[in-house]
C-alpha atoms as a PDB file:
ATOM      1  CA  MET A   1      12.974 -50.792  87.793  1.00  0.00           C
ATOM      2  CA  ASN A   2      11.177 -50.587  91.107  1.00  0.00           C
ATOM      3  CA  GLY A   3       9.305 -53.639  92.376  1.00  0.00           C
ATOM      4  CA  LEU A   4       6.083 -51.677  92.723  1.00  0.00           C
ATOM      5  CA  THR A   5       6.321 -50.547  89.111  1.00  0.00           C
ATOM      6  CA  LEU A   6       6.785 -54.128  88.020  1.00  0.00           C
ATOM      7  CA  LEU A   7       3.759 -55.147  90.095  1.00  0.00           C
ATOM      8  CA  PHE A   8       1.627 -52.476  88.405  1.00  0.00           C
ATOM      9  CA  ALA A   9       2.753 -53.711  84.981  1.00  0.00           C
ATOM     10  CA  ILE A  10       1.926 -57.332  85.829  1.00  0.00           C
ATOM     11  CA  LEU A  11      -1.455 -56.338  87.261  1.00  0.00           C
ATOM     12  CA  GLY A  12      -2.171 -54.376  84.092  1.00  0.00           C
ATOM     13  CA  ILE A  13      -1.358 -57.245  81.781  1.00  0.00           C
ATOM     14  CA  THR A  14      -3.255 -59.865  83.770  1.00  0.00           C
ATOM     15  CA  GLY A  15      -6.206 -57.542  84.349  1.00  0.00           C
ATOM     16  CA  PHE A  16      -6.555 -56.766  80.678  1.00  0.00           C
ATOM     17  CA  ALA A  17      -6.181 -60.413  79.680  1.00  0.00           C
ATOM     18  CA  GLY A  18      -8.670 -61.529  82.323  1.00  0.00           C
ATOM     19  CA  GLY A  19     -11.123 -58.901  81.165  1.00  0.00           C
ATOM     20  CA  ALA A  20     -10.778 -60.044  77.586  1.00  0.00           C
ATOM     21  CA  VAL A  21     -11.484 -63.636  78.623  1.00  0.00           C
ATOM     22  CA  LEU A  22     -14.541 -62.570  80.617  1.00  0.00           C
ATOM     23  CA  SER A  23     -15.842 -60.521  77.707  1.00  0.00           C
ATOM     24  CA  VAL A  24     -15.522 -63.464  75.345  1.00  0.00           C
ATOM     25  CA  THR A  25     -17.247 -65.852  77.751  1.00  0.00           C
ATOM     26  CA  GLY A  26     -20.318 -63.645  78.005  1.00  0.00           C
ATOM     27  CA  GLN A  27     -19.770 -61.452  81.065  1.00  0.00           C
ATOM     28  CA  ASN A  28     -19.371 -58.267  79.070  1.00  0.00           C
ATOM     29  CA  GLU A  29     -19.806 -55.674  81.820  1.00  0.00           C
ATOM     30  CA  MET A  30     -17.328 -57.260  84.216  1.00  0.00           C
ATOM     31  CA  GLY A  31     -14.880 -57.887  81.377  1.00  0.00           C
ATOM     32  CA  VAL A  32     -14.925 -54.273  80.276  1.00  0.00           C
ATOM     33  CA  VAL A  33     -14.408 -53.081  83.859  1.00  0.00           C
ATOM     34  CA  LEU A  34     -11.477 -55.447  84.322  1.00  0.00           C
ATOM     35  CA  MET A  35      -9.911 -54.404  81.018  1.00  0.00           C
ATOM     36  CA  GLY A  36     -10.278 -50.756  82.043  1.00  0.00           C
ATOM     37  CA  LEU A  37      -8.552 -51.415  85.347  1.00  0.00           C
ATOM     38  CA  GLY A  38      -5.800 -53.237  83.489  1.00  0.00           C
ATOM     39  CA  LEU A  39      -5.250 -50.216  81.279  1.00  0.00           C
ATOM     40  CA  VAL A  40      -5.168 -47.933  84.324  1.00  0.00           C
ATOM     41  CA  PHE A  41      -2.469 -50.090  85.910  1.00  0.00           C
ATOM     42  CA  GLN A  42      -0.493 -50.025  82.667  1.00  0.00           C
ATOM     43  CA  VAL A  43      -0.650 -46.226  82.499  1.00  0.00           C
ATOM     44  CA  ILE A  44       0.462 -45.975  86.126  1.00  0.00           C
ATOM     45  CA  SER A  45       3.441 -48.235  85.467  1.00  0.00           C
ATOM     46  CA  LEU A  46       4.433 -46.307  82.334  1.00  0.00           C
ATOM     47  CA  VAL A  47       4.255 -42.981  84.189  1.00  0.00           C
ATOM     48  CA  ARG A  48       6.416 -44.407  86.980  1.00  0.00           C
ATOM     49  CA  ILE A  49       8.988 -45.643  84.446  1.00  0.00           C
ATOM     50  CA  LYS A  50       9.062 -42.243  82.722  1.00  0.00           C
ATOM     51  CA  ARG A  51       9.551 -40.422  86.033  1.00  0.00           C
ATOM     52  CA  ALA A  52      12.316 -42.821  87.064  1.00  0.00           C
ATOM     53  CA  LYS A  53      14.141 -42.217  83.788  1.00  0.00           C
ATOM     54  CA  LYS A  54      13.811 -38.467  84.189  1.00  0.00           C
ATOM     55  CA  ARG A  55      14.998 -38.601  87.794  1.00  0.00           C
ATOM     56  CA  ASP A  56      18.039 -40.733  86.948  1.00  0.00           C
ATOM     57  CA  GLY A  57      18.910 -38.586  83.955  1.00  0.00           C
ATOM     58  CA  SER A  58      19.363 -41.648  81.794  1.00  0.00           C
ATOM     59  CA  ASN A  59      19.061 -41.446  78.058  1.00  0.00           C
ATOM     60  CA  ALA A  60      17.184 -44.256  76.311  1.00  0.00           C
ATOM     61  CA  ARG A  61      19.080 -43.671  73.048  1.00  0.00           C
ATOM     62  CA  GLY A  62      22.348 -44.824  74.564  1.00  0.00           C
END
């Protein structure tokens, strides 16, 4: 896995978690925005992983 892909995944997880915390503490608008950005980073990382698997020709089933 590429380092940039891993960074996107970490940003996605922390962004979503931070947004959830902000939403619970009362800052709903900022929390929703942060959760949305977290989901965007997660989608980017998943697309990068899928492209890397396709490029390498690896088979996830073994």
